[in-house]
Amino acid sequence: MSTSTNSHEHTEAEQAALRLLQADIPDTERPYLEIAERTGLTEEAVLDLLRRLKDRGVVRRFGATLRHQQAGYGANAMVAWFVEQERDLNEVGAIMANRPEISHCYQRVNCYAWPYNLYTMVHARSREDCLDVVEQLARIAQVPQYDILFSRKELKKTSMAYF
């Protein structure tokens, strides 16, 4: 959950619920009920809190994080792409982001000897599978210039904590 909010706007119980919501949500049939029971709120109050924050634009997204190594995806690579200036970067990004193997797709400013302006994270079962995905993307999106940076070791993987 990505949020930006002031802790003074919420009751202690709501803050406790938000702390739990920004961590791993219980893997149960009714996770919001479990959070409610742990914080002294009702399930509807937890859902209403999320709706209010979403409606105000405080919560931008709420989603699952796949722990790719545990799911059998042993190869991960950040690919730095050079999309030529005359190309529509949003269009190229949409092509790449549409692939299920891509978890992140970002535009960044290029500079000096590092010409790359689009970045993707590719997750696959093997290094060879990663390379296949990158080659397919290069062909489909017509972006022949790229560098692949394979992950060696995951040093940190956490969500932001606001409460």
C-alpha atoms as a PDB file:
ATOM      1  CA  MET A   1       0.000   0.000   0.000  1.00  0.00           C
ATOM      2  CA  SER A   2       1.451   3.371  -1.029  1.00  0.00           C
ATOM      3  CA  THR A   3       0.252   6.172   1.233  1.00  0.00           C
ATOM      4  CA  SER A   4       1.070   9.695   2.247  1.00  0.00           C
ATOM      5  CA  THR A   5      -0.982  10.832   5.228  1.00  0.00           C
ATOM      6  CA  ASN A   6      -0.742  12.648   8.534  1.00  0.00           C
ATOM      7  CA  SER A   7      -1.021  10.425  11.614  1.00  0.00           C
ATOM      8  CA  HIS A   8      -3.021  13.125  13.467  1.00  0.00           C
ATOM      9  CA  GLU A   9      -5.968  12.556  11.095  1.00  0.00           C
ATOM     10  CA  HIS A  10      -6.601   9.019  12.345  1.00  0.00           C
ATOM     11  CA  THR A  11      -7.623   7.395  15.586  1.00  0.00           C
ATOM     12  CA  GLU A  12      -5.164   5.074  17.309  1.00  0.00           C
ATOM     13  CA  ALA A  13      -7.185   2.083  16.088  1.00  0.00           C
ATOM     14  CA  GLU A  14      -7.079   3.372  12.494  1.00  0.00           C
ATOM     15  CA  GLN A  15      -3.318   3.913  12.754  1.00  0.00           C
ATOM     16  CA  ALA A  16      -2.956   0.358  14.055  1.00  0.00           C
ATOM     17  CA  ALA A  17      -5.010  -0.915  11.108  1.00  0.00           C
ATOM     18  CA  LEU A  18      -2.879   1.080   8.665  1.00  0.00           C
ATOM     19  CA  ARG A  19       0.300  -0.371  10.209  1.00  0.00           C
ATOM     20  CA  LEU A  20      -1.071  -3.858   9.611  1.00  0.00           C
ATOM     21  CA  LEU A  21      -2.311  -3.002   6.109  1.00  0.00           C
ATOM     22  CA  GLN A  22       1.099  -1.781   4.976  1.00  0.00           C
ATOM     23  CA  ALA A  23       2.665  -5.090   6.039  1.00  0.00           C
ATOM     24  CA  ASP A  24       1.757  -8.570   4.813  1.00  0.00           C
ATOM     25  CA  ILE A  25      -2.017  -8.883   4.827  1.00  0.00           C
ATOM     26  CA  PRO A  26      -3.316 -12.108   6.416  1.00  0.00           C
ATOM     27  CA  ASP A  27      -3.777 -14.923   3.920  1.00  0.00           C
ATOM     28  CA  THR A  28      -7.337 -15.681   4.995  1.00  0.00           C
ATOM     29  CA  GLU A  29     -10.782 -15.589   3.460  1.00  0.00           C
ATOM     30  CA  ARG A  30     -11.547 -12.290   5.237  1.00  0.00           C
ATOM     31  CA  PRO A  31      -8.225 -10.492   5.885  1.00  0.00           C
ATOM     32  CA  TYR A  32      -9.897  -7.158   6.693  1.00  0.00           C
ATOM     33  CA  LEU A  33     -11.982  -8.833   9.397  1.00  0.00           C
ATOM     34  CA  GLU A  34      -8.805 -10.242  10.958  1.00  0.00           C
ATOM     35  CA  ILE A  35      -7.197  -6.787  10.884  1.00  0.00           C
ATOM     36  CA  ALA A  36     -10.353  -5.304  12.390  1.00  0.00           C
ATOM     37  CA  GLU A  37     -10.372  -7.819  15.222  1.00  0.00           C
ATOM     38  CA  ARG A  38      -6.708  -7.118  15.985  1.00  0.00           C
ATOM     39  CA  THR A  39      -7.284  -3.345  16.161  1.00  0.00           C
ATOM     40  CA  GLY A  40     -10.686  -3.033  17.806  1.00  0.00           C
ATOM     41  CA  LEU A  41     -12.410  -1.855  14.631  1.00  0.00           C
ATOM     42  CA  THR A  42     -15.153  -3.473  12.595  1.00  0.00           C
ATOM     43  CA  GLU A  43     -14.459  -4.992   9.205  1.00  0.00           C
ATOM     44  CA  GLU A  44     -16.610  -2.269   7.618  1.00  0.00           C
ATOM     45  CA  ALA A  45     -14.600   0.439   9.439  1.00  0.00           C
ATOM     46  CA  VAL A  46     -11.343  -0.938   8.000  1.00  0.00           C
ATOM     47  CA  LEU A  47     -12.824  -1.051   4.498  1.00  0.00           C
ATOM     48  CA  ASP A  48     -14.291   2.438   4.931  1.00  0.00           C
ATOM     49  CA  LEU A  49     -10.887   3.756   6.039  1.00  0.00           C
ATOM     50  CA  LEU A  50      -9.316   2.368   2.868  1.00  0.00           C
ATOM     51  CA  ARG A  51     -12.123   3.801   0.699  1.00  0.00           C
ATOM     52  CA  ARG A  52     -11.749   7.263   2.260  1.00  0.00           C
ATOM     53  CA  LEU A  53      -7.987   7.264   1.753  1.00  0.00           C
ATOM     54  CA  LYS A  54      -8.384   6.065  -1.840  1.00  0.00           C
ATOM     55  CA  ASP A  55     -11.080   8.666  -2.611  1.00  0.00           C
ATOM     56  CA  ARG A  56      -8.820  11.435  -1.240  1.00  0.00           C
ATOM     57  CA  GLY A  57      -5.893  10.196  -3.319  1.00  0.00           C
ATOM     58  CA  VAL A  58      -3.864   9.389  -0.201  1.00  0.00           C
ATOM     59  CA  VAL A  59      -3.743   5.693  -1.114  1.00  0.00           C
ATOM     60  CA  ARG A  60      -2.710   5.402  -4.715  1.00  0.00           C
ATOM     61  CA  ARG A  61      -2.530   1.648  -4.987  1.00  0.00           C
ATOM     62  CA  PHE A  62      -3.118  -1.453  -2.980  1.00  0.00           C
ATOM     63  CA  GLY A  63      -1.654  -4.638  -4.337  1.00  0.00           C
ATOM     64  CA  ALA A  64       0.093  -7.888  -3.757  1.00  0.00           C
ATOM     65  CA  THR A  65       3.835  -8.347  -3.874  1.00  0.00           C
ATOM     66  CA  LEU A  66       5.010 -11.583  -5.397  1.00  0.00           C
ATOM     67  CA  ARG A  67       8.021 -13.048  -3.664  1.00  0.00           C
ATOM     68  CA  HIS A  68       9.353 -14.249  -6.985  1.00  0.00           C
ATOM     69  CA  GLN A  69      12.148 -16.482  -5.662  1.00  0.00           C
ATOM     70  CA  GLN A  70       9.669 -18.387  -3.483  1.00  0.00           C
ATOM     71  CA  ALA A  71       7.347 -18.731  -6.492  1.00  0.00           C
ATOM     72  CA  GLY A  72      10.078 -20.379  -8.580  1.00  0.00           C
ATOM     73  CA  TYR A  73      11.320 -17.352 -10.508  1.00  0.00           C
ATOM     74  CA  GLY A  74      15.061 -17.620  -9.982  1.00  0.00           C
ATOM     75  CA  ALA A  75      16.255 -15.097 -12.559  1.00  0.00           C
ATOM     76  CA  ASN A  76      15.654 -11.369 -12.367  1.00  0.00           C
ATOM     77  CA  ALA A  77      17.086  -8.619 -14.475  1.00  0.00           C
ATOM     78  CA  MET A  78      16.786  -4.894 -14.730  1.00  0.00           C
ATOM     79  CA  VAL A  79      16.909  -3.958 -18.375  1.00  0.00           C
ATOM     80  CA  ALA A  80      17.978  -0.452 -19.296  1.00  0.00           C
ATOM     81  CA  TRP A  81      16.533   0.486 -22.710  1.00  0.00           C
ATOM     82  CA  PHE A  82      17.460   3.357 -24.995  1.00  0.00           C
ATOM     83  CA  VAL A  83      14.284   4.615 -26.643  1.00  0.00           C
ATOM     84  CA  GLU A  84      15.096   7.167 -29.313  1.00  0.00           C
ATOM     85  CA  GLN A  85      13.835  10.681 -28.684  1.00  0.00           C
ATOM     86  CA  GLU A  86      11.484  10.707 -31.687  1.00  0.00           C
ATOM     87  CA  ARG A  87       9.670   7.591 -30.403  1.00  0.00           C
ATOM     88  CA  ASP A  88       6.639   7.789 -28.124  1.00  0.00           C
ATOM     89  CA  LEU A  89       8.104   6.548 -24.827  1.00  0.00           C
ATOM     90  CA  ASN A  90       4.624   5.961 -23.364  1.00  0.00           C
ATOM     91  CA  GLU A  91       3.751   3.688 -26.281  1.00  0.00           C
ATOM     92  CA  VAL A  92       6.984   1.708 -25.939  1.00  0.00           C
ATOM     93  CA  GLY A  93       6.522   1.508 -22.162  1.00  0.00           C
ATOM     94  CA  ALA A  94       2.972   0.208 -22.620  1.00  0.00           C
ATOM     95  CA  ILE A  95       4.211  -2.569 -24.920  1.00  0.00           C
ATOM     96  CA  MET A  96       6.777  -3.644 -22.346  1.00  0.00           C
ATOM     97  CA  ALA A  97       4.537  -3.235 -19.301  1.00  0.00           C
ATOM     98  CA  ASN A  98       1.940  -5.465 -20.950  1.00  0.00           C
ATOM     99  CA  ARG A  99       4.176  -8.516 -20.600  1.00  0.00           C
ATOM    100  CA  PRO A 100       3.446 -10.719 -17.558  1.00  0.00           C
ATOM    101  CA  GLU A 101       7.189 -11.173 -16.909  1.00  0.00           C
ATOM    102  CA  ILE A 102       7.586  -7.413 -16.333  1.00  0.00           C
ATOM    103  CA  SER A 103       6.885  -6.213 -12.790  1.00  0.00           C
ATOM    104  CA  HIS A 104       8.144  -2.629 -13.109  1.00  0.00           C
ATOM    105  CA  CYS A 105       8.483  -0.248 -16.037  1.00  0.00           C
ATOM    106  CA  TYR A 106       9.906   3.237 -15.433  1.00  0.00           C
ATOM    107  CA  GLN A 107      10.983   6.224 -17.449  1.00  0.00           C
ATOM    108  CA  ARG A 108      14.147   7.890 -16.176  1.00  0.00           C
ATOM    109  CA  VAL A 109      16.233  10.772 -17.420  1.00  0.00           C
ATOM    110  CA  ASN A 110      19.284   9.706 -19.379  1.00  0.00           C
ATOM    111  CA  CYS A 111      22.630  11.430 -18.985  1.00  0.00           C
ATOM    112  CA  TYR A 112      26.081  11.674 -20.515  1.00  0.00           C
ATOM    113  CA  ALA A 113      27.506   8.254 -21.368  1.00  0.00           C
ATOM    114  CA  TRP A 114      24.432   6.425 -20.006  1.00  0.00           C
ATOM    115  CA  PRO A 115      21.813   6.893 -22.749  1.00  0.00           C
ATOM    116  CA  TYR A 116      19.081   4.697 -21.267  1.00  0.00           C
ATOM    117  CA  ASN A 117      15.701   6.250 -20.543  1.00  0.00           C
ATOM    118  CA  LEU A 118      13.361   3.286 -19.946  1.00  0.00           C
ATOM    119  CA  TYR A 119      13.828   0.544 -17.359  1.00  0.00           C
ATOM    120  CA  THR A 120      12.044  -2.754 -16.846  1.00  0.00           C
ATOM    121  CA  MET A 121      12.325  -5.519 -14.278  1.00  0.00           C
ATOM    122  CA  VAL A 122      12.081  -8.955 -15.876  1.00  0.00           C
ATOM    123  CA  HIS A 123      11.337 -12.056 -13.789  1.00  0.00           C
ATOM    124  CA  ALA A 124      11.742 -15.556 -15.221  1.00  0.00           C
ATOM    125  CA  ARG A 125      12.501 -19.088 -14.113  1.00  0.00           C
ATOM    126  CA  SER A 126      16.009 -19.053 -15.593  1.00  0.00           C
ATOM    127  CA  ARG A 127      18.619 -16.696 -16.988  1.00  0.00           C
ATOM    128  CA  GLU A 128      17.915 -18.095 -20.469  1.00  0.00           C
ATOM    129  CA  ASP A 129      14.194 -17.364 -20.068  1.00  0.00           C
ATOM    130  CA  CYS A 130      15.043 -13.775 -19.056  1.00  0.00           C
ATOM    131  CA  LEU A 131      17.194 -13.386 -22.149  1.00  0.00           C
ATOM    132  CA  ASP A 132      14.379 -14.756 -24.323  1.00  0.00           C
ATOM    133  CA  VAL A 133      11.912 -12.223 -22.892  1.00  0.00           C
ATOM    134  CA  VAL A 134      14.356  -9.353 -23.449  1.00  0.00           C
ATOM    135  CA  GLU A 135      15.030 -10.426 -27.042  1.00  0.00           C
ATOM    136  CA  GLN A 136      11.291 -10.664 -27.728  1.00  0.00           C
ATOM    137  CA  LEU A 137      10.670  -7.227 -26.196  1.00  0.00           C
ATOM    138  CA  ALA A 138      13.497  -5.683 -28.209  1.00  0.00           C
ATOM    139  CA  ARG A 139      11.985  -7.088 -31.402  1.00  0.00           C
ATOM    140  CA  ILE A 140       8.318  -6.311 -30.626  1.00  0.00           C
ATOM    141  CA  ALA A 141       8.941  -2.797 -29.270  1.00  0.00           C
ATOM    142  CA  GLN A 142      11.670  -2.143 -31.852  1.00  0.00           C
ATOM    143  CA  VAL A 143      14.215  -1.050 -29.263  1.00  0.00           C
ATOM    144  CA  PRO A 144      17.525  -2.666 -30.225  1.00  0.00           C
ATOM    145  CA  GLN A 145      19.800  -0.816 -27.779  1.00  0.00           C
ATOM    146  CA  TYR A 146      19.699  -2.087 -24.188  1.00  0.00           C
ATOM    147  CA  ASP A 147      21.805  -3.410 -21.334  1.00  0.00           C
ATOM    148  CA  ILE A 148      20.789  -6.244 -19.023  1.00  0.00           C
ATOM    149  CA  LEU A 149      21.722  -6.104 -15.351  1.00  0.00           C
ATOM    150  CA  PHE A 150      21.040  -9.482 -13.712  1.00  0.00           C
ATOM    151  CA  SER A 151      20.313  -9.646  -9.998  1.00  0.00           C
ATOM    152  CA  ARG A 152      22.921 -11.436  -7.926  1.00  0.00           C
ATOM    153  CA  LYS A 153      21.393 -11.251  -4.467  1.00  0.00           C
ATOM    154  CA  GLU A 154      18.309  -9.639  -2.961  1.00  0.00           C
ATOM    155  CA  LEU A 155      19.495  -7.343  -0.189  1.00  0.00           C
ATOM    156  CA  LYS A 156      16.170  -5.748   0.745  1.00  0.00           C
ATOM    157  CA  LYS A 157      12.558  -6.109  -0.258  1.00  0.00           C
ATOM    158  CA  THR A 158      10.125  -4.204   1.900  1.00  0.00           C
ATOM    159  CA  SER A 159       7.277  -1.775   1.430  1.00  0.00           C
ATOM    160  CA  MET A 160       7.399   1.735   2.771  1.00  0.00           C
ATOM    161  CA  ALA A 161       6.198   2.076   6.369  1.00  0.00           C
ATOM    162  CA  TYR A 162       4.274   5.227   7.250  1.00  0.00           C
ATOM    163  CA  PHE A 163       2.945   4.397  10.730  1.00  0.00           C
END
